[in-house]
Amino acid sequence: MNTQADIIVVGGGLAGIAAAVSLARAGYDTLHLAPAAPPDRRTSALMMPSVDFLLSAGLIDTPAEIGHKLTAIRIIDATPRLIRAPETLFDATEAGMDAFGWNFANAALLARFQAAAPARGLTTRNEAVTAYRRENGLGLVTLADGTTLSAPLVVGADGKKSLIRTAAGIATREHRFDESALVCDLELGRPIGGTSIEFHYPHGPFTLVPAGGSKANLVWIDAEQTLRAAQASGPEALVAALRQRSQGLFGSIALASPSAVFPLSVLSVAEAGRDGTVLVGEAAHAFPPIGAQGLNLGLRDVADLVAALEGVERHAPDWAVRVSANYAERRSGDLARTGGMVDALFRSLLGEMLPTQALRAGGLWALKLLPSLRRHAFTLGMGERG
């Protein structure tokens, strides 16, 4: 069977298009199967290592054109628990940095990634994949109209319910939480500057992320029933709930976009690649929006995939199998470390037992008082690798 490309990338989200464009820019003939999706109204807080990757890969020109600088993180324990954590401020200047990262609208990132596509080497098709199999060293991708396309290496970037992952037989572990996340854009009476502010409540954080001027992006994690009820109560009642949750610190609040509620879960894979198939983005990992790890981890997937390709002789007969094994090895430590960190952090926020409360409060006191520990937390949270 004739191959249609060196690499087929399946999935039209940010991780998928970042992979497709980066692979094409690296000189691989790439076919990107990206079915059209509704506009993505969410935002992504990207830490500086991720921003540096986007710049070096040519995916963005300058972050200031489409993003908003994150210079500090303020954590406020708003729980009524017996043992409470201190209010804590993490400032980028403590780490000798101008900013921890930048907050981007996903739609703006998507448009910029598309604009970065090379004139040759990348073909994008608005096609859905219905089946996938491996045969004679090739990945065979079947489209809705019955057409079969093939390439030695196939990249699954098709989300939590990845067809590519399932067909490749890569095992997953998943846990669904009772909590969900409500997201929307807000106009605040008093701007928050470059500071991301997290109010920690018993069912999760209520987080305001800088979006420029007096605007902020809200991520409110709570019991799904609570969020659905607030959403259904009407704009005025929802705004009142938001003012109460933000403790009235920002004066007036107005909705600047419709709200949406997303269920939360943790998903991990036994391996990120095998036998000529690799997984990036939420096909390989999914977390609650804690610690700004989602897309940051997906971009590290893309960076390691490019590095894995560079580490394998391009025209070797089994190059796709070797690339997938190389990639899986590169991603193993980062996925385990980040997954464990985010899962432990989220569960600590939900924990009601006194020992859990004491550990969490003690940890924040240590971060507040010990600069060396705080610097280590900066490094871990930003996803920097030695």
Protein backbone atom coordinates (compact mmCIF):
# COMPACT_ATOMS: atom_id res chain seq x y z
CA MET A 1 0.00 0.00 0.00
CA ASN A 2 1.29 3.47 -0.83
CA THR A 3 1.69 5.82 2.09
CA GLN A 4 -0.03 9.20 2.07
CA ALA A 5 2.52 10.81 4.42
CA ASP A 6 5.42 10.19 6.79
CA ILE A 7 3.14 10.95 9.73
CA ILE A 8 -0.62 11.17 10.24
CA VAL A 9 -1.82 13.33 13.14
CA VAL A 10 -5.40 12.69 14.29
CA GLY A 11 -7.13 15.44 16.30
CA GLY A 12 -7.84 19.12 15.78
CA GLY A 13 -7.26 20.54 19.28
CA LEU A 14 -4.32 22.67 20.35
CA ALA A 15 -2.01 19.73 21.05
CA GLY A 16 -2.92 18.16 17.70
CA ILE A 17 -2.29 21.23 15.59
CA ALA A 18 0.89 22.06 17.54
CA ALA A 19 2.14 18.54 16.77
CA ALA A 20 1.15 18.68 13.09
CA VAL A 21 2.76 22.08 12.48
CA SER A 22 5.90 21.23 14.47
CA LEU A 23 6.40 17.93 12.62
CA ALA A 24 5.91 19.58 9.25
CA ARG A 25 8.31 22.37 10.16
CA ALA A 26 10.82 19.67 11.14
CA GLY A 27 10.69 18.37 7.56
CA TYR A 28 8.24 15.46 7.81
CA ASP A 29 5.45 15.07 5.27
CA THR A 30 2.49 15.37 7.63
CA LEU A 31 -1.22 14.72 7.12
CA HIS A 32 -3.42 16.33 9.76
CA LEU A 33 -6.95 14.97 10.17
CA ALA A 34 -8.76 17.68 12.10
CA PRO A 35 -12.56 17.53 12.11
CA ALA A 36 -14.22 20.89 12.68
CA ALA A 37 -15.20 21.62 16.29
CA PRO A 38 -17.22 24.34 18.05
CA PRO A 39 -15.26 27.46 19.05
CA ASP A 40 -13.12 26.88 22.15
CA ARG A 41 -13.92 29.67 24.62
CA ARG A 42 -11.48 28.43 27.27
CA THR A 43 -8.07 29.86 28.11
CA SER A 44 -4.71 28.26 28.87
CA ALA A 45 -2.13 29.52 31.34
CA LEU A 46 1.21 28.52 29.81
CA MET A 47 4.31 28.55 31.98
CA MET A 48 7.52 30.07 30.62
CA PRO A 49 9.08 26.75 29.48
CA SER A 50 5.99 26.20 27.32
CA VAL A 51 6.10 29.76 26.00
CA ASP A 52 9.79 29.34 25.21
CA PHE A 53 8.96 26.16 23.26
CA LEU A 54 6.26 27.95 21.26
CA LEU A 55 8.74 30.69 20.38
CA SER A 56 11.57 28.32 19.42
CA ALA A 57 9.20 26.13 17.37
CA GLY A 58 7.88 29.17 15.50
CA LEU A 59 4.32 28.58 16.72
CA ILE A 60 4.03 32.15 18.04
CA ASP A 61 6.00 35.33 17.35
CA THR A 62 5.67 37.12 20.68
CA PRO A 63 3.40 36.27 23.63
CA ALA A 64 2.39 39.88 24.19
CA GLU A 65 0.51 39.91 20.85
CA ILE A 66 -2.10 37.39 22.00
CA GLY A 67 -1.56 36.80 25.73
CA HIS A 68 -1.49 38.36 29.17
CA LYS A 69 1.46 38.14 31.55
CA LEU A 70 1.21 36.12 34.81
CA THR A 71 3.50 37.71 37.37
CA ALA A 72 2.21 36.32 40.67
CA ILE A 73 -0.01 33.66 42.23
CA ARG A 74 -2.04 34.45 45.35
CA ILE A 75 -3.63 31.60 47.34
CA ILE A 76 -6.38 32.29 49.87
CA ASP A 77 -7.75 29.50 52.09
CA ALA A 78 -11.48 30.23 52.13
CA THR A 79 -12.52 26.96 53.78
CA PRO A 80 -14.27 26.84 57.16
CA ARG A 81 -11.97 24.01 58.28
CA LEU A 82 -10.46 23.75 61.73
CA ILE A 83 -6.93 23.83 60.32
CA ARG A 84 -6.51 26.46 57.65
CA ALA A 85 -3.56 27.39 55.49
CA PRO A 86 -2.01 30.88 55.49
CA GLU A 87 -2.57 33.28 52.64
CA THR A 88 0.42 32.83 50.34
CA LEU A 89 1.83 34.93 47.52
CA PHE A 90 4.25 33.56 44.94
CA ASP A 91 5.96 36.33 42.96
CA ALA A 92 7.92 35.65 39.79
CA THR A 93 10.63 38.10 40.85
CA GLU A 94 11.55 35.69 43.67
CA ALA A 95 12.66 33.24 40.98
CA GLY A 96 14.53 35.98 39.11
CA MET A 97 11.84 36.05 36.41
CA ASP A 98 9.71 38.74 34.87
CA ALA A 99 6.71 36.39 34.73
CA PHE A 100 5.75 32.79 35.50
CA GLY A 101 4.04 32.57 32.15
CA TRP A 102 1.26 33.96 29.98
CA ASN A 103 -2.49 33.44 29.82
CA PHE A 104 -3.84 32.86 26.30
CA ALA A 105 -7.30 32.50 24.83
CA ASN A 106 -7.40 29.05 23.22
CA ALA A 107 -9.02 30.47 20.10
CA ALA A 108 -6.15 32.96 19.69
CA LEU A 109 -3.57 30.19 20.12
CA LEU A 110 -5.36 28.00 17.59
CA ALA A 111 -5.39 30.80 14.99
CA ARG A 112 -1.71 31.53 15.59
CA PHE A 113 -0.72 27.85 15.29
CA GLN A 114 -2.63 27.62 12.02
CA ALA A 115 -0.85 30.71 10.70
CA ALA A 116 2.50 29.10 11.56
CA ALA A 117 1.86 26.12 9.25
CA PRO A 118 4.51 25.78 6.51
CA ALA A 119 3.49 26.27 2.90
CA ARG A 120 4.68 22.76 2.03
CA GLY A 121 4.79 19.50 3.96
CA LEU A 122 1.48 19.81 5.81
CA THR A 123 -1.94 18.81 4.49
CA THR A 124 -4.94 19.43 6.75
CA ARG A 125 -8.28 17.73 6.12
CA ASN A 126 -11.60 18.25 7.89
CA GLU A 127 -12.14 14.51 8.25
CA ALA A 128 -13.24 12.27 11.13
CA VAL A 129 -11.50 8.95 11.73
CA THR A 130 -13.71 5.88 12.25
CA ALA A 131 -11.13 3.09 12.57
CA TYR A 132 -7.40 2.47 13.01
CA ARG A 133 -5.15 -0.57 12.74
CA ARG A 134 -1.51 -1.50 12.13
CA GLU A 135 -0.54 -3.68 9.19
CA ASN A 136 2.86 -4.45 7.64
CA GLY A 137 4.58 -1.64 9.52
CA LEU A 138 1.99 0.98 8.60
CA GLY A 139 -0.78 2.73 10.47
CA LEU A 140 -4.05 2.47 8.53
CA VAL A 141 -6.58 5.18 9.27
CA THR A 142 -10.13 4.78 7.95
CA LEU A 143 -12.29 7.87 7.33
CA ALA A 144 -16.07 8.20 7.54
CA ASP A 145 -16.45 7.74 3.78
CA GLY A 146 -14.54 4.45 3.88
CA THR A 147 -11.27 5.85 2.52
CA THR A 148 -8.14 4.36 4.10
CA LEU A 149 -5.02 6.48 4.56
CA SER A 150 -1.64 5.18 5.71
CA ALA A 151 1.63 6.35 7.22
CA PRO A 152 4.42 4.66 9.18
CA LEU A 153 3.85 6.85 12.26
CA VAL A 154 0.41 7.83 13.59
CA VAL A 155 -0.06 10.46 16.30
CA GLY A 156 -3.22 10.24 18.38
CA ALA A 157 -4.19 13.72 19.58
CA ASP A 158 -7.90 12.93 19.66
CA GLY A 159 -8.73 13.64 23.29
CA LYS A 160 -9.81 11.72 26.38
CA LYS A 161 -11.92 9.26 24.39
CA SER A 162 -9.14 8.66 21.87
CA LEU A 163 -10.05 6.17 19.15
CA ILE A 164 -6.37 5.89 18.21
CA ARG A 165 -5.40 4.95 21.77
CA THR A 166 -8.16 2.37 22.09
CA ALA A 167 -7.40 0.77 18.71
CA ALA A 168 -3.69 0.64 19.54
CA GLY A 169 -4.50 -1.29 22.72
CA ILE A 170 -2.82 1.19 25.05
CA ALA A 171 -4.27 0.75 28.53
CA THR A 172 -5.58 3.68 30.57
CA ARG A 173 -6.38 4.45 34.18
CA GLU A 174 -9.20 6.93 34.76
CA HIS A 175 -10.96 8.32 37.80
CA ARG A 176 -13.97 10.60 37.51
CA PHE A 177 -14.54 13.18 40.23
CA ASP A 178 -17.88 14.35 41.60
CA GLU A 179 -16.65 17.89 40.97
CA SER A 180 -16.90 19.85 37.73
CA ALA A 181 -15.48 23.17 36.51
CA LEU A 182 -17.45 26.26 35.52
CA VAL A 183 -15.57 28.61 33.21
CA CYS A 184 -16.42 32.07 31.87
CA ASP A 185 -14.91 35.53 31.36
CA LEU A 186 -15.54 38.33 33.86
CA GLU A 187 -15.27 42.10 33.93
CA LEU A 188 -14.08 43.20 37.39
CA GLY A 189 -14.63 46.50 39.14
CA ARG A 190 -11.03 46.36 40.40
CA PRO A 191 -8.42 44.75 38.10
CA ILE A 192 -6.12 42.00 39.35
CA GLY A 193 -3.12 43.09 37.28
CA GLY A 194 -0.86 40.15 36.53
CA THR A 195 -1.82 38.13 39.62
CA SER A 196 -3.70 34.84 39.38
CA ILE A 197 -5.88 34.54 42.51
CA GLU A 198 -7.04 31.21 43.93
CA PHE A 199 -9.68 30.99 46.66
CA HIS A 200 -9.56 27.45 48.03
CA TYR A 201 -12.97 26.06 49.03
CA PRO A 202 -13.91 22.56 50.30
CA HIS A 203 -14.81 21.29 46.80
CA GLY A 204 -11.94 22.96 44.95
CA PRO A 205 -10.47 26.33 43.98
CA PHE A 206 -12.24 29.40 42.66
CA THR A 207 -9.56 30.90 40.39
CA LEU A 208 -9.34 34.25 38.62
CA VAL A 209 -6.66 34.46 35.91
CA PRO A 210 -5.53 37.80 34.40
CA ALA A 211 -7.00 38.44 30.96
CA GLY A 212 -5.88 42.04 30.41
CA GLY A 213 -7.20 45.30 31.83
CA SER A 214 -10.12 44.65 34.16
CA LYS A 215 -10.92 41.27 32.59
CA ALA A 216 -10.31 37.89 34.22
CA ASN A 217 -10.92 34.29 33.25
CA LEU A 218 -12.79 32.29 35.88
CA VAL A 219 -12.30 28.61 36.67
CA TRP A 220 -14.66 27.61 39.49
CA ILE A 221 -14.38 24.01 40.67
CA ASP A 222 -17.20 22.71 42.83
CA ALA A 223 -19.77 19.94 43.09
CA GLU A 224 -21.43 19.60 39.70
CA GLN A 225 -24.90 20.10 41.21
CA THR A 226 -23.77 23.40 42.77
CA LEU A 227 -22.36 24.68 39.48
CA ARG A 228 -25.37 23.61 37.41
CA ALA A 229 -27.71 25.30 39.88
CA ALA A 230 -25.68 28.52 39.82
CA GLN A 231 -25.60 28.46 36.03
CA ALA A 232 -29.36 27.86 35.78
CA SER A 233 -30.25 30.56 38.32
CA GLY A 234 -29.87 33.38 35.81
CA PRO A 235 -27.16 36.01 35.23
CA GLU A 236 -27.94 38.15 38.29
CA ALA A 237 -27.95 35.23 40.72
CA LEU A 238 -24.80 33.81 39.15
CA VAL A 239 -23.00 37.15 39.51
CA ALA A 240 -24.10 37.32 43.15
CA ALA A 241 -22.64 33.85 43.74
CA LEU A 242 -19.38 34.92 42.09
CA ARG A 243 -19.14 38.03 44.25
CA GLN A 244 -19.70 35.93 47.35
CA ARG A 245 -17.06 33.39 46.31
CA SER A 246 -14.54 36.15 45.55
CA GLN A 247 -15.30 37.71 48.95
CA GLY A 248 -16.20 41.04 47.36
CA LEU A 249 -12.52 41.86 46.82
CA PHE A 250 -12.96 43.15 43.29
CA GLY A 251 -15.99 45.40 43.57
CA SER A 252 -18.53 44.92 40.82
CA ILE A 253 -18.50 41.78 38.67
CA ALA A 254 -20.10 41.41 35.25
CA LEU A 255 -20.27 38.39 32.98
CA ALA A 256 -18.23 38.95 29.81
CA SER A 257 -19.06 35.60 28.17
CA PRO A 258 -21.48 32.69 28.52
CA SER A 259 -20.55 30.15 31.19
CA ALA A 260 -19.85 26.47 30.54
CA VAL A 261 -19.54 23.49 32.90
CA PHE A 262 -17.08 20.64 32.29
CA PRO A 263 -16.85 17.35 34.23
CA LEU A 264 -13.47 16.57 35.82
CA SER A 265 -11.43 13.39 35.71
CA VAL A 266 -7.87 12.09 35.87
CA LEU A 267 -6.65 9.93 32.99
CA SER A 268 -3.23 8.37 32.48
CA VAL A 269 -1.79 5.79 30.09
CA ALA A 270 0.42 2.78 30.68
CA GLU A 271 2.75 4.06 27.94
CA ALA A 272 2.64 7.08 25.66
CA GLY A 273 3.66 5.19 22.53
CA ARG A 274 4.13 1.73 21.04
CA ASP A 275 4.46 -0.05 17.69
CA GLY A 276 4.40 3.10 15.54
CA THR A 277 1.63 4.88 17.47
CA VAL A 278 2.19 7.81 19.84
CA LEU A 279 -0.24 9.79 21.99
CA VAL A 280 -0.12 13.51 22.76
CA GLY A 281 -2.35 15.86 24.72
CA GLU A 282 -5.47 14.53 26.41
CA ALA A 283 -5.20 11.25 24.53
CA ALA A 284 -2.27 10.56 26.89
CA HIS A 285 -3.22 12.49 30.04
CA ALA A 286 -6.03 14.54 31.50
CA PHE A 287 -6.25 16.36 34.83
CA PRO A 288 -8.45 18.81 36.69
CA PRO A 289 -7.41 22.41 35.88
CA ILE A 290 -5.10 22.60 38.91
CA GLY A 291 -1.60 24.00 38.66
CA ALA A 292 -1.99 24.94 34.97
CA GLN A 293 -0.61 21.61 33.74
CA GLY A 294 -2.94 20.47 30.92
CA LEU A 295 -1.70 22.17 27.74
CA ASN A 296 1.74 22.70 29.28
CA LEU A 297 2.11 18.92 29.48
CA GLY A 298 0.72 18.54 25.95
CA LEU A 299 3.34 20.91 24.56
CA ARG A 300 6.06 18.95 26.34
CA ASP A 301 4.63 15.89 24.53
CA VAL A 302 5.12 17.68 21.22
CA ALA A 303 8.66 18.79 22.10
CA ASP A 304 9.62 15.23 23.08
CA LEU A 305 8.04 13.81 19.93
CA VAL A 306 10.18 16.10 17.75
CA ALA A 307 13.23 15.11 19.82
CA ALA A 308 12.38 11.41 19.48
CA LEU A 309 12.22 11.75 15.70
CA GLU A 310 15.59 13.49 15.66
CA GLY A 311 17.05 10.60 17.65
CA VAL A 312 16.11 7.87 15.15
CA GLU A 313 17.54 7.36 11.65
CA ARG A 314 14.79 8.60 9.36
CA HIS A 315 14.89 5.93 6.65
CA ALA A 316 15.43 2.88 8.85
CA PRO A 317 12.86 0.13 8.06
CA ASP A 318 11.45 0.17 11.60
CA TRP A 319 11.88 3.88 12.26
CA ALA A 320 8.26 4.48 13.34
CA VAL A 321 8.43 1.66 15.91
CA ARG A 322 11.73 2.99 17.21
CA VAL A 323 10.37 6.55 17.37
CA SER A 324 7.33 5.44 19.37
CA ALA A 325 9.53 3.51 21.82
CA ASN A 326 11.94 6.46 22.14
CA TYR A 327 9.01 8.83 22.71
CA ALA A 328 7.40 6.59 25.34
CA GLU A 329 10.67 6.42 27.25
CA ARG A 330 11.14 10.21 27.10
CA ARG A 331 7.62 10.90 28.35
CA SER A 332 7.44 8.28 31.10
CA GLY A 333 9.03 10.24 33.95
CA ASP A 334 7.35 13.56 33.18
CA LEU A 335 3.88 12.02 32.88
CA ALA A 336 4.24 10.08 36.14
CA ARG A 337 5.68 13.04 38.05
CA THR A 338 3.16 15.62 36.81
CA GLY A 339 0.21 13.26 37.12
CA GLY A 340 1.12 12.40 40.69
CA MET A 341 1.62 16.05 41.60
CA VAL A 342 -1.71 17.26 40.19
CA ASP A 343 -3.70 14.32 41.59
CA ALA A 344 -2.18 14.74 45.06
CA LEU A 345 -2.76 18.50 45.02
CA PHE A 346 -6.40 18.20 43.97
CA ARG A 347 -7.14 15.47 46.51
CA SER A 348 -5.50 17.54 49.24
CA LEU A 349 -7.86 20.41 48.43
CA LEU A 350 -10.84 18.06 48.81
CA GLY A 351 -9.61 16.24 51.91
CA GLU A 352 -11.77 16.67 55.02
CA MET A 353 -9.75 14.53 57.44
CA LEU A 354 -7.75 16.50 60.02
CA PRO A 355 -4.39 14.88 59.07
CA THR A 356 -4.93 15.92 55.44
CA GLN A 357 -5.85 19.45 56.47
CA ALA A 358 -2.79 19.64 58.70
CA LEU A 359 -0.46 18.40 55.95
CA ARG A 360 -1.85 20.87 53.43
CA ALA A 361 -1.71 23.83 55.83
CA GLY A 362 1.77 22.83 56.98
CA GLY A 363 2.93 22.57 53.39
CA LEU A 364 1.72 26.06 52.56
CA TRP A 365 3.32 27.43 55.74
CA ALA A 366 6.60 25.83 54.65
CA LEU A 367 6.28 27.31 51.16
CA LYS A 368 5.50 30.70 52.69
CA LEU A 369 8.49 30.69 55.08
CA LEU A 370 11.22 28.78 53.23
CA PRO A 371 12.51 30.50 50.07
CA SER A 372 14.50 27.44 48.93
CA LEU A 373 11.40 25.23 49.09
CA ARG A 374 9.39 27.91 47.30
CA ARG A 375 11.95 28.03 44.48
CA HIS A 376 11.75 24.25 44.15
CA ALA A 377 7.95 24.49 43.94
CA PHE A 378 8.34 27.10 41.17
CA THR A 379 10.54 24.72 39.20
CA LEU A 380 8.19 21.75 39.63
CA GLY A 381 5.03 23.72 38.89
CA MET A 382 6.49 25.25 35.74
CA GLY A 383 7.42 21.85 34.37
CA GLU A 384 11.10 22.64 34.04
CA ARG A 385 13.29 19.63 33.36
CA GLY A 386 16.92 19.24 34.23
